[in-house]
Amino acid sequence: MLHTNYPTAAAVDVWCEEMRKEAEALAITAQDVTESPVYTFPLRVRHQDNARYIAFSSATGDTFYGYWQPTQSTAPAPLLVHLPGYGAEMSAHPQLVAQGYNVLHINPLGYTTPTGFDTEKTVNGGWPVLPDTVTTAGARGYRQWLTQALSAVQWASGQQQVQADRIATFGTSQGGGTALLLGSLLVECGLKAVAADLPFLTNFPLVYGKSHRLTMPVLLTAGSIDEVTPKDSIIALFDRLPGTRSFTEFAGQGHAYTVPFLPLATAWFGLYV
């Protein structure tokens, strides 16, 4: 059976520990690179006054960026981590900050900067993270992507505004898939919930058993006419989730950022984070 070629649960646990150690070894430095006005690259949404662009740099010379949106509260608050879709767009979430959260949007691999897309990093007109993952058998691509994301979460967890034991991840498409992966990686590190909108790379119906690390509450959405991440591929994951779970199908929805997702995710975080 094909599922015998997948790693065992124990091998997955070892891989997750290796990834966390790689992130710690990056020893990133974080620098506020916000200019006036607060943003020059159009985020397409409003933002609060104290939101900042952060450049994350490592000793290897790699630089990637985040958009840090700290809570308005004087008391420490939970941390919500947003991951980008395959278009590598940046996102701001002032409505979640208004609900009392810290929000960090992470944009790994330096594809997008505070002044726009770094087109020198494109290959054949697209971002190479998925092809790099395939051609290197997982040695590069999403491994680097996730390591950088983990290191940024470690930075945010150390900020005085953040309750480091109350973290959630969320995103759409690639962002939803990588929110699930980060949830799995951080399950022992304060991760309380995941919300994934039309998540990418979830269709593993032949995997034996359940997604054993996704024990936190997981919210999933799917579009009824989505041909990029078909609903059946998302249901394949939902059926294997071992804990509290929610699945919502949006009738007539194709593959795009969905309007109902953020209200659903906000309620989910209010319940479980």
C-alpha atoms as a PDB file:
ATOM      1  CA  MET A   1       0.000   0.000   0.000  1.00  0.00           C
ATOM      2  CA  LEU A   2       1.200   3.492  -0.796  1.00  0.00           C
ATOM      3  CA  HIS A   3       0.789   4.681   2.771  1.00  0.00           C
ATOM      4  CA  THR A   4       3.787   2.536   3.786  1.00  0.00           C
ATOM      5  CA  ASN A   5       6.013   5.061   1.993  1.00  0.00           C
ATOM      6  CA  TYR A   6       4.938   7.870   4.322  1.00  0.00           C
ATOM      7  CA  PRO A   7       6.978   8.536   7.489  1.00  0.00           C
ATOM      8  CA  THR A   8       5.852   7.008  10.743  1.00  0.00           C
ATOM      9  CA  ALA A   9       4.409   9.159  13.507  1.00  0.00           C
ATOM     10  CA  ALA A  10       7.705   8.842  15.372  1.00  0.00           C
ATOM     11  CA  ALA A  11       9.665   9.994  12.310  1.00  0.00           C
ATOM     12  CA  VAL A  12       7.382  13.014  11.966  1.00  0.00           C
ATOM     13  CA  ASP A  13       8.005  13.904  15.622  1.00  0.00           C
ATOM     14  CA  VAL A  14      11.773  13.712  15.053  1.00  0.00           C
ATOM     15  CA  TRP A  15      11.488  15.914  11.955  1.00  0.00           C
ATOM     16  CA  CYS A  16       9.501  18.537  13.889  1.00  0.00           C
ATOM     17  CA  GLU A  17      12.130  18.650  16.619  1.00  0.00           C
ATOM     18  CA  GLU A  18      14.851  19.048  13.988  1.00  0.00           C
ATOM     19  CA  MET A  19      12.957  21.941  12.403  1.00  0.00           C
ATOM     20  CA  ARG A  20      12.590  23.773  15.719  1.00  0.00           C
ATOM     21  CA  LYS A  21      16.318  23.358  16.396  1.00  0.00           C
ATOM     22  CA  GLU A  22      17.147  24.673  12.911  1.00  0.00           C
ATOM     23  CA  ALA A  23      15.026  27.737  13.602  1.00  0.00           C
ATOM     24  CA  GLU A  24      16.808  28.382  16.888  1.00  0.00           C
ATOM     25  CA  ALA A  25      20.167  27.977  15.155  1.00  0.00           C
ATOM     26  CA  LEU A  26      19.315  30.707  12.645  1.00  0.00           C
ATOM     27  CA  ALA A  27      19.909  33.238  15.443  1.00  0.00           C
ATOM     28  CA  ILE A  28      17.974  35.919  13.574  1.00  0.00           C
ATOM     29  CA  THR A  29      18.161  39.605  14.324  1.00  0.00           C
ATOM     30  CA  ALA A  30      15.053  41.744  13.971  1.00  0.00           C
ATOM     31  CA  GLN A  31      15.194  45.363  12.802  1.00  0.00           C
ATOM     32  CA  ASP A  32      12.381  47.874  12.477  1.00  0.00           C
ATOM     33  CA  VAL A  33      12.596  49.085   8.874  1.00  0.00           C
ATOM     34  CA  THR A  34       9.417  51.156   8.834  1.00  0.00           C
ATOM     35  CA  GLU A  35       9.649  54.421   6.953  1.00  0.00           C
ATOM     36  CA  SER A  36       7.264  57.356   6.802  1.00  0.00           C
ATOM     37  CA  PRO A  37       4.507  56.852   5.770  1.00  0.00           C
ATOM     38  CA  VAL A  38       4.091  53.584   7.627  1.00  0.00           C
ATOM     39  CA  TYR A  39       3.866  51.630   4.395  1.00  0.00           C
ATOM     40  CA  THR A  40       4.809  52.285   0.788  1.00  0.00           C
ATOM     41  CA  PHE A  41       3.821  48.850  -0.535  1.00  0.00           C
ATOM     42  CA  PRO A  42       0.005  48.703  -0.721  1.00  0.00           C
ATOM     43  CA  LEU A  43      -1.356  46.332   1.896  1.00  0.00           C
ATOM     44  CA  ARG A  44      -4.871  47.032   0.565  1.00  0.00           C
ATOM     45  CA  VAL A  45      -6.212  47.353   4.087  1.00  0.00           C
ATOM     46  CA  ARG A  46      -6.021  49.978   6.766  1.00  0.00           C
ATOM     47  CA  HIS A  47      -3.655  49.531   9.697  1.00  0.00           C
ATOM     48  CA  GLN A  48      -3.171  50.796  13.215  1.00  0.00           C
ATOM     49  CA  ASP A  49      -0.627  53.514  13.993  1.00  0.00           C
ATOM     50  CA  ASN A  50       1.945  51.378  15.822  1.00  0.00           C
ATOM     51  CA  ALA A  51       2.219  48.586  13.226  1.00  0.00           C
ATOM     52  CA  ARG A  52       5.780  48.148  11.966  1.00  0.00           C
ATOM     53  CA  TYR A  53       7.694  46.410   9.192  1.00  0.00           C
ATOM     54  CA  ILE A  54      10.347  44.073  10.601  1.00  0.00           C
ATOM     55  CA  ALA A  55      13.362  42.776   8.676  1.00  0.00           C
ATOM     56  CA  PHE A  56      14.563  39.411   9.968  1.00  0.00           C
ATOM     57  CA  SER A  57      18.205  38.626   9.126  1.00  0.00           C
ATOM     58  CA  SER A  58      20.318  35.577   9.856  1.00  0.00           C
ATOM     59  CA  ALA A  59      24.048  34.906   9.926  1.00  0.00           C
ATOM     60  CA  THR A  60      23.706  33.152   6.565  1.00  0.00           C
ATOM     61  CA  GLY A  61      22.825  36.478   4.962  1.00  0.00           C
ATOM     62  CA  ASP A  62      19.181  35.621   4.284  1.00  0.00           C
ATOM     63  CA  THR A  63      16.641  38.363   4.972  1.00  0.00           C
ATOM     64  CA  PHE A  64      12.880  38.093   5.086  1.00  0.00           C
ATOM     65  CA  TYR A  65      10.140  40.388   6.332  1.00  0.00           C
ATOM     66  CA  GLY A  66       7.175  40.559   8.641  1.00  0.00           C
ATOM     67  CA  TYR A  67       4.455  43.041   9.505  1.00  0.00           C
ATOM     68  CA  TRP A  68       4.194  43.380  13.290  1.00  0.00           C
ATOM     69  CA  GLN A  69       0.856  44.586  14.641  1.00  0.00           C
ATOM     70  CA  PRO A  70       1.083  44.736  18.446  1.00  0.00           C
ATOM     71  CA  THR A  71      -1.894  44.845  20.758  1.00  0.00           C
ATOM     72  CA  GLN A  72      -3.259  48.182  21.926  1.00  0.00           C
ATOM     73  CA  SER A  73      -3.662  46.677  25.395  1.00  0.00           C
ATOM     74  CA  THR A  74      -1.286  47.477  28.241  1.00  0.00           C
ATOM     75  CA  ALA A  75      -1.466  43.840  29.375  1.00  0.00           C
ATOM     76  CA  PRO A  76       0.195  40.934  27.518  1.00  0.00           C
ATOM     77  CA  ALA A  77      -2.074  39.384  24.890  1.00  0.00           C
ATOM     78  CA  PRO A  78      -2.167  36.256  22.701  1.00  0.00           C
ATOM     79  CA  LEU A  79      -0.251  36.069  19.421  1.00  0.00           C
ATOM     80  CA  LEU A  80      -1.902  35.354  16.064  1.00  0.00           C
ATOM     81  CA  VAL A  81       0.479  34.412  13.246  1.00  0.00           C
ATOM     82  CA  HIS A  82      -0.625  34.960   9.642  1.00  0.00           C
ATOM     83  CA  LEU A  83       1.049  33.234   6.680  1.00  0.00           C
ATOM     84  CA  PRO A  84       0.842  34.413   3.037  1.00  0.00           C
ATOM     85  CA  GLY A  85      -0.770  32.753   0.066  1.00  0.00           C
ATOM     86  CA  TYR A  86       1.216  31.552  -2.936  1.00  0.00           C
ATOM     87  CA  GLY A  87       1.204  35.094  -4.325  1.00  0.00           C
ATOM     88  CA  ALA A  88       3.503  36.127  -1.414  1.00  0.00           C
ATOM     89  CA  GLU A  89       1.266  39.101  -0.633  1.00  0.00           C
ATOM     90  CA  MET A  90       1.550  40.976   2.660  1.00  0.00           C
ATOM     91  CA  SER A  91      -1.497  41.331   4.892  1.00  0.00           C
ATOM     92  CA  ALA A  92      -2.512  43.488   7.849  1.00  0.00           C
ATOM     93  CA  HIS A  93      -5.253  42.591  10.327  1.00  0.00           C
ATOM     94  CA  PRO A  94      -6.296  45.650  12.353  1.00  0.00           C
ATOM     95  CA  GLN A  95      -9.678  44.070  13.108  1.00  0.00           C
ATOM     96  CA  LEU A  96      -7.917  41.303  15.045  1.00  0.00           C
ATOM     97  CA  VAL A  97      -5.716  43.817  16.859  1.00  0.00           C
ATOM     98  CA  ALA A  98      -8.916  45.616  17.842  1.00  0.00           C
ATOM     99  CA  GLN A  99     -10.084  42.332  19.405  1.00  0.00           C
ATOM    100  CA  GLY A 100      -7.074  42.428  21.736  1.00  0.00           C
ATOM    101  CA  TYR A 101      -4.515  40.278  19.891  1.00  0.00           C
ATOM    102  CA  ASN A 102      -0.951  40.749  18.747  1.00  0.00           C
ATOM    103  CA  VAL A 103      -0.734  39.854  15.053  1.00  0.00           C
ATOM    104  CA  LEU A 104       2.415  38.971  13.114  1.00  0.00           C
ATOM    105  CA  HIS A 105       2.252  38.521   9.357  1.00  0.00           C
ATOM    106  CA  ILE A 106       5.322  36.550   8.238  1.00  0.00           C
ATOM    107  CA  ASN A 107       6.526  36.701   4.630  1.00  0.00           C
ATOM    108  CA  PRO A 108       9.341  34.128   4.376  1.00  0.00           C
ATOM    109  CA  LEU A 109      12.159  33.818   1.825  1.00  0.00           C
ATOM    110  CA  GLY A 110      12.296  37.555   1.121  1.00  0.00           C
ATOM    111  CA  TYR A 111       9.821  37.335  -1.754  1.00  0.00           C
ATOM    112  CA  THR A 112       8.051  40.503  -0.614  1.00  0.00           C
ATOM    113  CA  THR A 113       9.646  43.566   0.983  1.00  0.00           C
ATOM    114  CA  PRO A 114       8.126  46.732   2.496  1.00  0.00           C
ATOM    115  CA  THR A 115       8.439  48.380  -0.915  1.00  0.00           C
ATOM    116  CA  GLY A 116       7.069  45.562  -3.053  1.00  0.00           C
ATOM    117  CA  PHE A 117       7.820  42.189  -4.607  1.00  0.00           C
ATOM    118  CA  ASP A 118      11.467  41.178  -5.079  1.00  0.00           C
ATOM    119  CA  THR A 119      11.081  40.002  -8.669  1.00  0.00           C
ATOM    120  CA  GLU A 120      14.721  38.895  -8.785  1.00  0.00           C
ATOM    121  CA  LYS A 121      13.635  35.926  -6.658  1.00  0.00           C
ATOM    122  CA  THR A 122      11.052  34.745  -9.189  1.00  0.00           C
ATOM    123  CA  VAL A 123      11.729  31.795 -11.498  1.00  0.00           C
ATOM    124  CA  ASN A 124       9.854  31.565 -14.789  1.00  0.00           C
ATOM    125  CA  GLY A 125       7.554  34.297 -13.562  1.00  0.00           C
ATOM    126  CA  GLY A 126       6.601  32.632 -10.276  1.00  0.00           C
ATOM    127  CA  TRP A 127       7.826  32.026  -6.750  1.00  0.00           C
ATOM    128  CA  PRO A 128       9.992  28.879  -6.592  1.00  0.00           C
ATOM    129  CA  VAL A 129       9.186  27.593  -3.090  1.00  0.00           C
ATOM    130  CA  LEU A 130       7.116  24.618  -4.284  1.00  0.00           C
ATOM    131  CA  PRO A 131       9.381  23.646  -7.229  1.00  0.00           C
ATOM    132  CA  ASP A 132      12.431  23.975  -4.954  1.00  0.00           C
ATOM    133  CA  THR A 133      10.788  21.636  -2.466  1.00  0.00           C
ATOM    134  CA  VAL A 134      10.132  19.023  -5.152  1.00  0.00           C
ATOM    135  CA  THR A 135      13.495  19.184  -6.920  1.00  0.00           C
ATOM    136  CA  THR A 136      15.486  18.979  -3.667  1.00  0.00           C
ATOM    137  CA  ALA A 137      13.293  16.272  -2.070  1.00  0.00           C
ATOM    138  CA  GLY A 138      12.421  18.668   0.742  1.00  0.00           C
ATOM    139  CA  ALA A 139      15.928  19.881   1.556  1.00  0.00           C
ATOM    140  CA  ARG A 140      15.050  23.423   0.428  1.00  0.00           C
ATOM    141  CA  GLY A 141      11.859  25.251  -0.443  1.00  0.00           C
ATOM    142  CA  TYR A 142       9.251  24.790   2.265  1.00  0.00           C
ATOM    143  CA  ARG A 143      11.875  23.587   4.733  1.00  0.00           C
ATOM    144  CA  GLN A 144      13.539  27.028   4.556  1.00  0.00           C
ATOM    145  CA  TRP A 145      10.115  28.674   4.499  1.00  0.00           C
ATOM    146  CA  LEU A 146       9.020  26.950   7.689  1.00  0.00           C
ATOM    147  CA  THR A 147      12.356  27.429   9.458  1.00  0.00           C
ATOM    148  CA  GLN A 148      12.195  31.174   8.858  1.00  0.00           C
ATOM    149  CA  ALA A 149       8.561  31.294   9.967  1.00  0.00           C
ATOM    150  CA  LEU A 150       9.431  29.409  13.158  1.00  0.00           C
ATOM    151  CA  SER A 151      12.281  31.808  13.924  1.00  0.00           C
ATOM    152  CA  ALA A 152       9.950  34.801  13.496  1.00  0.00           C
ATOM    153  CA  VAL A 153       7.424  33.218  15.872  1.00  0.00           C
ATOM    154  CA  GLN A 154      10.214  32.706  18.394  1.00  0.00           C
ATOM    155  CA  TRP A 155      11.055  36.419  18.097  1.00  0.00           C
ATOM    156  CA  ALA A 156       7.432  37.498  18.535  1.00  0.00           C
ATOM    157  CA  SER A 157       6.955  35.150  21.486  1.00  0.00           C
ATOM    158  CA  GLY A 158       9.722  37.022  23.289  1.00  0.00           C
ATOM    159  CA  GLN A 159       8.075  40.444  22.963  1.00  0.00           C
ATOM    160  CA  GLN A 160       6.781  41.892  26.228  1.00  0.00           C
ATOM    161  CA  GLN A 161       3.270  42.349  24.812  1.00  0.00           C
ATOM    162  CA  VAL A 162       2.914  38.627  24.036  1.00  0.00           C
ATOM    163  CA  GLN A 163       1.576  35.732  26.084  1.00  0.00           C
ATOM    164  CA  ALA A 164       3.907  33.095  24.695  1.00  0.00           C
ATOM    165  CA  ASP A 165       1.692  30.191  25.763  1.00  0.00           C
ATOM    166  CA  ARG A 166      -1.297  31.494  23.760  1.00  0.00           C
ATOM    167  CA  ILE A 167      -0.498  31.317  20.031  1.00  0.00           C
ATOM    168  CA  ALA A 168      -2.624  30.592  16.956  1.00  0.00           C
ATOM    169  CA  THR A 169      -1.826  30.391  13.245  1.00  0.00           C
ATOM    170  CA  PHE A 170      -4.031  31.217  10.256  1.00  0.00           C
ATOM    171  CA  GLY A 171      -3.947  31.818   6.521  1.00  0.00           C
ATOM    172  CA  THR A 172      -5.519  31.142   3.127  1.00  0.00           C
ATOM    173  CA  SER A 173      -4.412  28.652   0.438  1.00  0.00           C
ATOM    174  CA  GLN A 174      -0.631  28.224   0.904  1.00  0.00           C
ATOM    175  CA  GLY A 175      -1.089  30.298   4.056  1.00  0.00           C
ATOM    176  CA  GLY A 176      -3.694  27.834   5.306  1.00  0.00           C
ATOM    177  CA  GLY A 177      -1.503  24.838   4.548  1.00  0.00           C
ATOM    178  CA  THR A 178       1.523  26.357   6.243  1.00  0.00           C
ATOM    179  CA  ALA A 179      -0.615  27.494   9.198  1.00  0.00           C
ATOM    180  CA  LEU A 180      -1.439  23.808   9.680  1.00  0.00           C
ATOM    181  CA  LEU A 181       2.228  22.854   9.375  1.00  0.00           C
ATOM    182  CA  LEU A 182       3.271  25.487  11.912  1.00  0.00           C
ATOM    183  CA  GLY A 183       0.509  24.284  14.204  1.00  0.00           C
ATOM    184  CA  SER A 184       1.974  20.801  14.024  1.00  0.00           C
ATOM    185  CA  LEU A 185       5.481  22.124  14.640  1.00  0.00           C
ATOM    186  CA  LEU A 186       4.446  24.270  17.620  1.00  0.00           C
ATOM    187  CA  VAL A 187       1.991  21.958  19.358  1.00  0.00           C
ATOM    188  CA  GLU A 188       4.356  21.651  22.353  1.00  0.00           C
ATOM    189  CA  CYS A 189       5.198  25.368  22.306  1.00  0.00           C
ATOM    190  CA  GLY A 190       2.022  27.220  23.256  1.00  0.00           C
ATOM    191  CA  LEU A 191       0.021  26.667  20.051  1.00  0.00           C
ATOM    192  CA  LYS A 192      -3.675  26.741  20.967  1.00  0.00           C
ATOM    193  CA  ALA A 193      -5.584  26.808  17.658  1.00  0.00           C
ATOM    194  CA  VAL A 194      -5.320  26.860  13.853  1.00  0.00           C
ATOM    195  CA  ALA A 195      -7.660  28.394  11.268  1.00  0.00           C
ATOM    196  CA  ALA A 196      -7.024  27.414   7.641  1.00  0.00           C
ATOM    197  CA  ASP A 197      -8.983  28.914   4.744  1.00  0.00           C
ATOM    198  CA  LEU A 198      -9.047  26.766   1.565  1.00  0.00           C
ATOM    199  CA  PRO A 199      -5.736  25.195   2.668  1.00  0.00           C
ATOM    200  CA  PHE A 200      -3.227  23.935   0.117  1.00  0.00           C
ATOM    201  CA  LEU A 201      -1.414  20.564   0.234  1.00  0.00           C
ATOM    202  CA  THR A 202      -3.848  18.670   2.459  1.00  0.00           C
ATOM    203  CA  ASN A 203      -4.948  15.752   0.264  1.00  0.00           C
ATOM    204  CA  PHE A 204      -3.259  12.685   1.709  1.00  0.00           C
ATOM    205  CA  PRO A 205      -6.120  10.136   1.759  1.00  0.00           C
ATOM    206  CA  LEU A 206      -3.774   7.152   1.795  1.00  0.00           C
ATOM    207  CA  VAL A 207      -1.943   8.167   4.972  1.00  0.00           C
ATOM    208  CA  TYR A 208      -2.429   5.557   7.642  1.00  0.00           C
ATOM    209  CA  GLY A 209      -4.104   6.779  10.810  1.00  0.00           C
ATOM    210  CA  LYS A 210      -4.723  10.385  11.868  1.00  0.00           C
ATOM    211  CA  SER A 211      -2.805  13.676  11.790  1.00  0.00           C
ATOM    212  CA  HIS A 212      -1.502  12.947  15.247  1.00  0.00           C
ATOM    213  CA  ARG A 213       0.171  16.300  15.964  1.00  0.00           C
ATOM    214  CA  LEU A 214      -2.829  18.463  15.051  1.00  0.00           C
ATOM    215  CA  THR A 215      -4.459  17.925  18.430  1.00  0.00           C
ATOM    216  CA  MET A 216      -5.382  21.588  18.935  1.00  0.00           C
ATOM    217  CA  PRO A 217      -8.766  22.949  17.738  1.00  0.00           C
ATOM    218  CA  VAL A 218      -8.599  23.241  13.925  1.00  0.00           C
ATOM    219  CA  LEU A 219     -10.984  25.240  11.723  1.00  0.00           C
ATOM    220  CA  LEU A 220     -11.060  24.411   8.007  1.00  0.00           C
ATOM    221  CA  THR A 221     -12.964  26.009   5.141  1.00  0.00           C
ATOM    222  CA  ALA A 222     -13.464  24.971   1.517  1.00  0.00           C
ATOM    223  CA  GLY A 223     -15.063  26.419  -1.610  1.00  0.00           C
ATOM    224  CA  SER A 224     -17.667  24.320  -3.413  1.00  0.00           C
ATOM    225  CA  ILE A 225     -16.229  25.227  -6.847  1.00  0.00           C
ATOM    226  CA  ASP A 226     -12.575  25.574  -5.854  1.00  0.00           C
ATOM    227  CA  GLU A 227     -10.458  23.695  -8.409  1.00  0.00           C
ATOM    228  CA  VAL A 228      -7.086  24.597  -6.830  1.00  0.00           C
ATOM    229  CA  THR A 229      -7.789  23.167  -3.373  1.00  0.00           C
ATOM    230  CA  PRO A 230     -10.938  21.076  -3.953  1.00  0.00           C
ATOM    231  CA  LYS A 231     -13.175  20.507  -0.966  1.00  0.00           C
ATOM    232  CA  ASP A 232     -12.560  16.746  -1.087  1.00  0.00           C
ATOM    233  CA  SER A 233      -8.857  17.353  -0.491  1.00  0.00           C
ATOM    234  CA  ILE A 234      -9.646  19.369   2.636  1.00  0.00           C
ATOM    235  CA  ILE A 235     -12.199  16.848   3.877  1.00  0.00           C
ATOM    236  CA  ALA A 236      -9.436  14.201   3.565  1.00  0.00           C
ATOM    237  CA  LEU A 237      -7.570  16.073   6.307  1.00  0.00           C
ATOM    238  CA  PHE A 238     -10.672  16.928   8.343  1.00  0.00           C
ATOM    239  CA  ASP A 239     -11.632  13.254   8.597  1.00  0.00           C
ATOM    240  CA  ARG A 240      -8.258  12.492  10.226  1.00  0.00           C
ATOM    241  CA  LEU A 241      -8.116  15.305  12.769  1.00  0.00           C
ATOM    242  CA  PRO A 242      -8.024  13.830  16.281  1.00  0.00           C
ATOM    243  CA  GLY A 243      -9.312  16.831  18.261  1.00  0.00           C
ATOM    244  CA  THR A 244     -11.889  19.614  18.188  1.00  0.00           C
ATOM    245  CA  ARG A 245     -12.553  20.515  14.567  1.00  0.00           C
ATOM    246  CA  SER A 246     -14.805  22.556  12.313  1.00  0.00           C
ATOM    247  CA  PHE A 247     -15.420  22.347   8.561  1.00  0.00           C
ATOM    248  CA  THR A 248     -17.328  24.991   6.586  1.00  0.00           C
ATOM    249  CA  GLU A 249     -18.104  24.779   2.883  1.00  0.00           C
ATOM    250  CA  PHE A 250     -18.757  28.069   1.073  1.00  0.00           C
ATOM    251  CA  ALA A 251     -21.305  27.529  -1.701  1.00  0.00           C
ATOM    252  CA  GLY A 252     -20.260  29.035  -5.043  1.00  0.00           C
ATOM    253  CA  GLN A 253     -16.789  29.928  -3.755  1.00  0.00           C
ATOM    254  CA  GLY A 254     -13.748  29.472  -5.975  1.00  0.00           C
ATOM    255  CA  HIS A 255     -10.131  29.781  -4.948  1.00  0.00           C
ATOM    256  CA  ALA A 256      -9.577  33.196  -3.364  1.00  0.00           C
ATOM    257  CA  TYR A 257      -9.434  34.926  -0.004  1.00  0.00           C
ATOM    258  CA  THR A 258     -12.935  34.365   1.376  1.00  0.00           C
ATOM    259  CA  VAL A 259     -15.025  37.051   3.067  1.00  0.00           C
ATOM    260  CA  PRO A 260     -16.530  34.817   5.811  1.00  0.00           C
ATOM    261  CA  PHE A 261     -13.201  33.337   6.913  1.00  0.00           C
ATOM    262  CA  LEU A 262     -11.984  36.136   9.180  1.00  0.00           C
ATOM    263  CA  PRO A 263     -15.239  36.361  11.197  1.00  0.00           C
ATOM    264  CA  LEU A 264     -15.150  32.573  11.596  1.00  0.00           C
ATOM    265  CA  ALA A 265     -11.473  32.616  12.580  1.00  0.00           C
ATOM    266  CA  THR A 266     -12.038  35.477  15.028  1.00  0.00           C
ATOM    267  CA  ALA A 267     -14.771  33.494  16.775  1.00  0.00           C
ATOM    268  CA  TRP A 268     -12.544  30.388  16.774  1.00  0.00           C
ATOM    269  CA  PHE A 269      -9.683  32.280  18.385  1.00  0.00           C
ATOM    270  CA  GLY A 270     -12.067  33.768  20.948  1.00  0.00           C
ATOM    271  CA  LEU A 271     -13.152  30.270  21.944  1.00  0.00           C
ATOM    272  CA  TYR A 272      -9.789  28.520  22.006  1.00  0.00           C
ATOM    273  CA  VAL A 273      -6.923  31.026  22.258  1.00  0.00           C
END
